Protein backbone atom coordinates (compact mmCIF):
# COMPACT_ATOMS: atom_id res chain seq x y z
CA MET A 1 2.72 9.83 24.81
CA PRO A 2 -0.51 11.54 23.65
CA VAL A 3 -3.45 9.43 22.51
CA LYS A 4 -3.60 9.15 18.72
CA ARG A 5 -6.90 10.00 17.01
CA LEU A 6 -6.20 7.76 13.99
CA ASP A 7 -4.90 4.23 13.59
CA VAL A 8 -3.56 4.33 10.01
CA VAL A 9 -2.80 7.23 7.70
CA ALA A 10 -1.44 6.50 4.23
CA LEU A 11 0.22 8.86 1.77
CA GLY A 12 0.60 8.42 -1.98
CA GLU A 13 -1.35 8.55 -5.21
CA ALA A 14 -4.94 7.39 -5.66
CA MET A 15 -6.08 6.62 -9.19
CA VAL A 16 -9.08 5.58 -11.23
CA GLU A 17 -8.80 2.00 -12.47
CA PHE A 18 -9.95 0.37 -15.69
CA ASN A 19 -9.65 -3.37 -15.14
CA GLN A 20 -9.92 -5.82 -18.04
CA THR A 21 -12.53 -8.41 -17.15
CA ARG A 22 -12.09 -10.66 -20.21
CA PRO A 23 -8.48 -11.51 -21.13
CA GLY A 24 -7.72 -10.62 -24.73
CA ARG A 25 -10.83 -8.47 -25.14
CA ALA A 26 -11.37 -4.72 -24.74
CA VAL A 27 -13.87 -5.07 -21.90
CA TYR A 28 -12.99 -3.01 -18.83
CA ARG A 29 -14.62 -2.41 -15.47
CA GLN A 30 -14.13 1.01 -13.93
CA GLY A 31 -12.99 1.05 -10.32
CA PHE A 32 -10.40 2.67 -8.11
CA GLY A 33 -6.81 1.96 -7.16
CA GLY A 34 -3.53 3.36 -6.01
CA ASP A 35 -1.61 1.18 -3.60
CA THR A 36 -1.66 3.38 -0.51
CA SER A 37 -5.31 4.37 -1.02
CA ASN A 38 -6.15 0.67 -1.26
CA CYS A 39 -4.27 0.14 1.99
CA ALA A 40 -6.20 2.89 3.77
CA ILE A 41 -9.54 1.47 2.60
CA ALA A 42 -8.49 -2.07 3.53
CA SER A 43 -7.61 -0.79 7.03
CA ALA A 44 -10.97 0.93 7.36
CA ARG A 45 -12.87 -2.19 6.29
CA ALA A 46 -10.88 -4.13 8.88
CA GLY A 47 -12.10 -1.75 11.57
CA ALA A 48 -9.28 0.80 11.77
CA ARG A 49 -9.66 4.57 11.96
CA ALA A 50 -8.01 5.43 8.65
CA ALA A 51 -7.06 8.59 6.76
CA TYR A 52 -5.51 9.36 3.40
CA LEU A 53 -3.15 12.09 2.25
CA THR A 54 -2.80 13.01 -1.42
CA ARG A 55 -3.62 15.51 -4.15
CA VAL A 56 -6.22 14.88 -6.86
CA GLY A 57 -7.32 16.78 -9.91
CA ASP A 58 -10.22 19.19 -9.70
CA ASP A 59 -12.05 16.91 -12.10
CA THR A 60 -14.68 14.18 -12.28
CA PHE A 61 -12.24 11.45 -11.30
CA GLY A 62 -11.00 13.44 -8.31
CA ALA A 63 -14.58 13.96 -7.16
CA SER A 64 -15.32 10.24 -7.53
CA LEU A 65 -12.32 9.38 -5.36
CA ARG A 66 -13.51 11.78 -2.66
CA ALA A 67 -16.92 10.10 -2.78
CA LEU A 68 -15.21 6.70 -2.46
CA TRP A 69 -13.30 7.71 0.68
CA ALA A 70 -16.48 9.13 2.18
CA ARG A 71 -18.32 5.85 1.58
CA GLU A 72 -15.44 3.87 3.05
CA ARG A 73 -15.14 6.11 6.12
CA VAL A 74 -11.59 7.12 5.29
CA ASP A 75 -10.77 10.61 6.56
CA ALA A 76 -9.93 12.71 3.47
CA THR A 77 -9.35 16.08 5.12
CA GLY A 78 -5.71 15.72 4.04
CA VAL A 79 -6.65 15.51 0.35
CA GLU A 80 -6.15 18.65 -1.76
CA SER A 81 -7.59 19.36 -5.23
CA ASP A 82 -5.35 20.80 -7.94
CA PRO A 83 -7.13 22.87 -10.63
CA LEU A 84 -4.11 22.63 -12.96
CA ALA A 85 -3.30 18.90 -12.94
CA PRO A 86 -5.38 15.75 -13.54
CA THR A 87 -6.19 12.73 -11.42
CA GLY A 88 -4.13 9.73 -12.57
CA ILE A 89 -5.67 6.68 -14.23
CA TYR A 90 -4.40 3.18 -15.01
CA PHE A 91 -5.40 0.07 -16.90
CA VAL A 92 -5.05 -3.56 -15.79
CA THR A 93 -4.79 -6.24 -18.47
CA HIS A 94 -4.82 -9.99 -17.86
CA ASP A 95 -3.41 -13.04 -19.62
CA LEU A 96 -2.37 -16.59 -18.78
CA TYR A 97 0.73 -15.29 -16.97
CA GLY A 98 -0.96 -12.82 -14.64
CA HIS A 99 -1.79 -9.13 -14.78
CA ALA A 100 0.01 -6.04 -16.11
CA PHE A 101 -0.42 -2.32 -15.47
CA THR A 102 -0.45 0.57 -17.94
CA TYR A 103 -0.34 4.00 -16.32
CA ARG A 104 -1.52 7.46 -17.39
CA ARG A 105 -0.19 9.46 -14.47
CA THR A 106 2.62 11.73 -15.77
CA GLY A 107 2.06 15.24 -14.44
CA SER A 108 -0.79 14.11 -12.17
CA ALA A 109 -1.92 16.15 -9.19
CA ALA A 110 -0.40 13.64 -6.78
CA SER A 111 2.99 13.84 -8.50
CA ARG A 112 2.99 17.56 -7.62
CA MET A 113 3.09 16.92 -3.87
CA THR A 114 5.86 18.87 -2.14
CA PRO A 115 7.24 18.95 1.41
CA GLU A 116 5.84 22.49 1.68
CA TRP A 117 2.37 21.15 0.82
CA LEU A 118 2.80 18.44 3.45
CA HIS A 119 3.72 20.87 6.21
CA ARG A 120 0.97 23.29 5.23
CA HIS A 121 -1.80 20.81 4.64
CA ALA A 122 -1.22 17.37 6.15
CA ALA A 123 1.56 17.13 8.76
CA PRO A 124 -0.83 17.30 11.77
CA ILE A 125 -2.67 14.24 10.44
CA VAL A 126 0.60 12.29 10.27
CA ARG A 127 1.35 13.21 13.87
CA ASP A 128 -2.11 12.12 15.00
CA ALA A 129 -1.89 8.50 13.75
CA LYS A 130 -0.47 5.32 15.23
CA TRP A 131 0.89 4.30 11.81
CA LEU A 132 1.99 6.12 8.66
CA HIS A 133 2.03 3.91 5.56
CA VAL A 134 3.95 4.75 2.38
CA SER A 135 5.29 2.78 -0.57
CA GLY A 136 7.88 2.64 -3.31
CA ILE A 137 5.28 4.07 -5.68
CA SER A 138 4.92 7.07 -3.37
CA LEU A 139 8.66 7.58 -3.89
CA ALA A 140 8.73 6.93 -7.62
CA ILE A 141 6.05 9.11 -9.20
CA SER A 142 8.20 12.27 -9.06
CA ARG A 143 11.22 13.78 -7.32
CA GLU A 144 8.90 16.09 -5.40
CA ALA A 145 6.70 13.21 -4.26
CA ARG A 146 9.80 11.31 -3.13
CA ASP A 147 10.96 14.26 -1.03
CA THR A 148 7.43 14.61 0.39
CA THR A 149 7.22 10.93 1.31
CA LEU A 150 10.59 10.91 3.06
CA GLU A 151 9.69 14.10 4.93
CA ALA A 152 6.41 12.51 6.07
CA MET A 153 8.38 9.55 7.41
CA ARG A 154 10.66 11.90 9.36
CA ILE A 155 7.70 13.83 10.77
CA ALA A 156 6.10 10.55 11.85
CA ARG A 157 9.17 9.31 13.65
CA GLU A 158 9.56 12.60 15.50
CA ALA A 159 5.91 12.41 16.60
CA GLY A 160 5.99 8.80 17.82
CA THR A 161 4.01 7.56 14.83
CA HIS A 162 5.21 4.16 13.59
CA VAL A 163 6.20 3.99 9.92
CA SER A 164 5.26 1.18 7.55
CA PHE A 165 6.94 0.94 4.15
CA ASP A 166 5.83 -1.32 1.29
CA SER A 167 8.55 -1.73 -1.34
CA ASN A 168 6.10 -1.94 -4.29
CA VAL A 169 8.85 -1.53 -6.87
CA ARG A 170 7.54 -0.49 -10.29
CA LEU A 171 10.46 -0.30 -12.71
CA LYS A 172 8.21 1.41 -15.29
CA LEU A 173 8.31 4.45 -12.99
CA TRP A 174 12.04 4.69 -12.29
CA THR A 175 15.35 3.00 -13.04
CA ILE A 176 16.83 0.19 -10.98
CA GLU A 177 19.47 2.59 -9.68
CA GLN A 178 16.84 5.13 -8.61
CA ALA A 179 14.76 2.38 -7.02
CA ARG A 180 17.70 1.09 -5.00
CA GLU A 181 18.56 4.58 -3.81
CA GLY A 182 14.97 5.42 -2.90
CA LEU A 183 14.38 2.13 -1.11
CA ALA A 184 17.60 2.53 0.88
CA GLN A 185 16.46 5.92 2.14
CA ALA A 186 12.99 4.70 3.09
CA MET A 187 14.20 1.46 4.65
CA GLY A 188 16.30 3.54 7.02
CA LEU A 189 13.25 5.47 8.20
CA CYS A 190 10.67 2.71 8.70
CA ASP A 191 9.69 0.59 11.69
CA LEU A 192 8.04 -2.12 9.59
CA PHE A 193 9.26 -3.06 6.10
CA LEU A 194 6.82 -4.92 3.86
CA PRO A 195 8.68 -6.06 0.74
CA GLY A 196 7.14 -8.23 -1.95
CA MET A 197 8.91 -11.30 -3.26
CA GLU A 198 8.38 -10.23 -6.89
CA ASP A 199 9.41 -6.62 -6.21
CA ILE A 200 12.73 -7.39 -4.57
CA GLY A 201 13.34 -10.25 -6.99
CA ALA A 202 13.01 -7.82 -9.91
CA LEU A 203 15.38 -5.43 -8.19
CA THR A 204 18.05 -7.96 -7.19
CA GLY A 205 17.63 -11.05 -9.36
CA LEU A 206 17.20 -13.19 -6.24
CA THR A 207 14.64 -16.00 -6.41
CA ARG A 208 14.71 -17.69 -2.97
CA ALA A 209 12.76 -16.21 -0.08
CA GLU A 210 15.58 -16.61 2.44
CA GLU A 211 17.99 -14.83 0.09
CA VAL A 212 15.55 -11.98 -0.44
CA LEU A 213 15.06 -11.65 3.30
CA ASP A 214 18.84 -11.68 3.82
CA TRP A 215 19.14 -8.84 1.29
CA CYS A 216 16.49 -6.83 3.11
CA ARG A 217 17.92 -7.51 6.57
CA ALA A 218 21.38 -6.34 5.49
CA ARG A 219 19.88 -2.95 4.63
CA CYS A 220 17.11 -2.53 7.18
CA ARG A 221 16.92 -2.62 10.98
CA ALA A 222 13.11 -2.67 11.08
CA ARG A 223 10.86 -5.66 11.50
CA ILE A 224 10.31 -7.26 8.08
CA VAL A 225 7.38 -9.19 6.66
CA LEU A 226 8.14 -10.60 3.21
CA LYS A 227 4.92 -11.03 1.20
CA MET A 228 4.95 -14.19 -0.91
CA GLY A 229 1.37 -14.43 -2.17
CA ALA A 230 -0.08 -17.92 -1.97
CA ASP A 231 3.11 -19.08 -0.21
CA GLY A 232 2.32 -16.87 2.75
CA ALA A 233 4.62 -14.44 4.53
CA LEU A 234 8.10 -14.79 6.01
CA MET A 235 8.69 -12.68 9.12
CA ASP A 236 12.00 -11.44 10.51
CA ASP A 237 12.00 -9.47 13.78
CA GLY A 238 15.77 -9.06 13.87
CA SER A 239 16.44 -12.09 16.04
CA SER A 240 14.36 -14.89 14.48
CA ARG A 241 12.34 -15.78 11.41
CA ARG A 242 8.95 -17.41 11.07
CA LEU A 243 6.88 -18.55 8.12
CA ILE A 244 3.15 -17.82 8.26
CA PRO A 245 1.62 -20.17 5.66
CA GLY A 246 -0.58 -18.75 2.93
CA CYS A 247 -4.05 -19.78 1.81
CA ARG A 248 -4.53 -21.80 -1.37
CA VAL A 249 -7.45 -20.37 -3.32
CA THR A 250 -8.46 -19.94 -6.96
CA ALA A 251 -7.33 -16.43 -7.86
CA VAL A 252 -9.44 -14.33 -10.21
CA ASP A 253 -7.64 -10.97 -9.94
CA ALA A 254 -4.55 -10.32 -7.82
CA THR A 255 -4.69 -6.54 -8.32
CA GLY A 256 -4.26 -4.86 -4.93
CA ALA A 257 -3.75 -8.08 -2.97
CA GLY A 258 -0.52 -6.81 -1.43
CA ASP A 259 -2.23 -3.54 -0.47
CA CYS A 260 -5.02 -5.55 1.15
CA PHE A 261 -2.38 -7.45 3.12
CA CYS A 262 -0.71 -4.24 4.31
CA GLY A 263 -3.94 -2.52 5.31
CA ASN A 264 -5.22 -5.48 7.26
CA LEU A 265 -1.86 -6.04 8.93
CA LEU A 266 -1.72 -2.43 10.15
CA ALA A 267 -5.35 -2.50 11.29
CA ARG A 268 -4.70 -5.55 13.45
CA LEU A 269 -1.44 -4.15 14.84
CA SER A 270 -3.34 -0.97 15.73
CA ALA A 271 -5.94 -3.12 17.50
CA GLY A 272 -3.23 -4.71 19.66
CA ASP A 273 -2.43 -7.97 17.85
CA ASP A 274 1.15 -9.16 17.83
CA LEU A 275 2.93 -9.43 14.47
CA VAL A 276 2.24 -13.17 14.10
CA ALA A 277 -1.51 -12.85 14.66
CA ALA A 278 -1.71 -9.74 12.48
CA THR A 279 0.14 -11.48 9.65
CA ARG A 280 -2.10 -14.53 9.85
CA TRP A 281 -5.15 -12.24 9.58
CA ALA A 282 -3.59 -10.33 6.66
CA ASN A 283 -2.85 -13.57 4.77
CA VAL A 284 -6.51 -14.59 4.96
CA ALA A 285 -7.71 -11.12 3.95
CA ALA A 286 -5.48 -11.12 0.86
CA ALA A 287 -6.66 -14.62 -0.07
CA LEU A 288 -10.25 -13.42 0.04
CA ALA A 289 -9.38 -10.37 -2.07
CA VAL A 290 -7.87 -12.28 -5.00
CA GLN A 291 -11.11 -14.19 -5.48
CA ARG A 292 -12.91 -11.03 -6.68
CA TRP A 293 -12.30 -8.41 -9.37
CA GLY A 294 -10.86 -4.96 -8.74
CA ALA A 295 -8.41 -3.38 -6.32
CA VAL A 296 -11.08 -1.90 -4.03
CA GLU A 297 -14.26 -3.91 -4.61
CA SER A 298 -12.39 -7.07 -3.64
CA LEU A 299 -11.25 -5.82 -0.22
CA PRO A 300 -12.91 -7.91 2.51
CA THR A 301 -14.62 -6.66 5.64
CA ALA A 302 -13.53 -7.74 9.10
CA VAL A 303 -16.62 -9.96 9.33
CA ARG A 304 -15.59 -11.93 6.23
CA VAL A 305 -12.02 -12.35 7.48
CA ARG A 306 -13.15 -13.56 10.91
CA ARG A 307 -15.50 -16.04 9.28
CA ALA A 308 -12.71 -17.35 7.04
CA LEU A 309 -10.31 -17.64 9.99
CA ARG A 310 -12.82 -19.80 11.84
CA VAL A 311 -13.09 -22.11 8.84
CA ALA A 312 -9.32 -22.30 8.24
């Protein structure tokens, strides 16, 4: 098998974030988000050779995202600018019960991805990575984006690139029926499935971790790591299950914590860790992230994670 130039390449939609810093008040901090972009940046901060594939508007926000990836050493040669469509934005609001998202992404440049664009512009990058990472949001933003994401997964598998899939179900973007159909397709094409307890719970009504994992295992042959936030992660490799305990911290902002987990997990797998060690690292990274504001600013470096692991 040829040597891969990249460790992690992610595909999806990157967005500009406006994050409420004072619950109940119209005070927002501008940052960046988009689940798969967060994952790519998290991987890069953890030491991986990362790249990102998407389309952005030919606008100020698109330029600021390009500058972000350059600062974070994320290869953006697979990013295309669209002069006819905008870069998406979103707002995060907070209350006593957690955080909520409000999107302004309809008709965005990323939603206009097509399989033809992928083959013309980005397929070689997919083939040149150890891991391709996609998510349920990558599937949900448009029919064209869904087709593009599934095609990227097929290209990866044909090229010997492992495929990671984060469920990241957002029922504001599609119906339950569409989500179930899209997840079923992607679960059949991935090597590592990374569902979230809240995501699958919203989709199925299940509330116990073992039941959620049973539901996933019945539909997926891949290795599974169920993300449970402060409760840790429950792993299933097809023959056994193992709980990796979480870290109890005081959370300030959980935006992007799951993306941080995914990016750090893939970085450590790319570095040669087994799934248990990589999951333990990812748990600590996510715990560090929730103690700071923002989806990107909160992402820890490898130095911070190593230091926290020594203390734990």
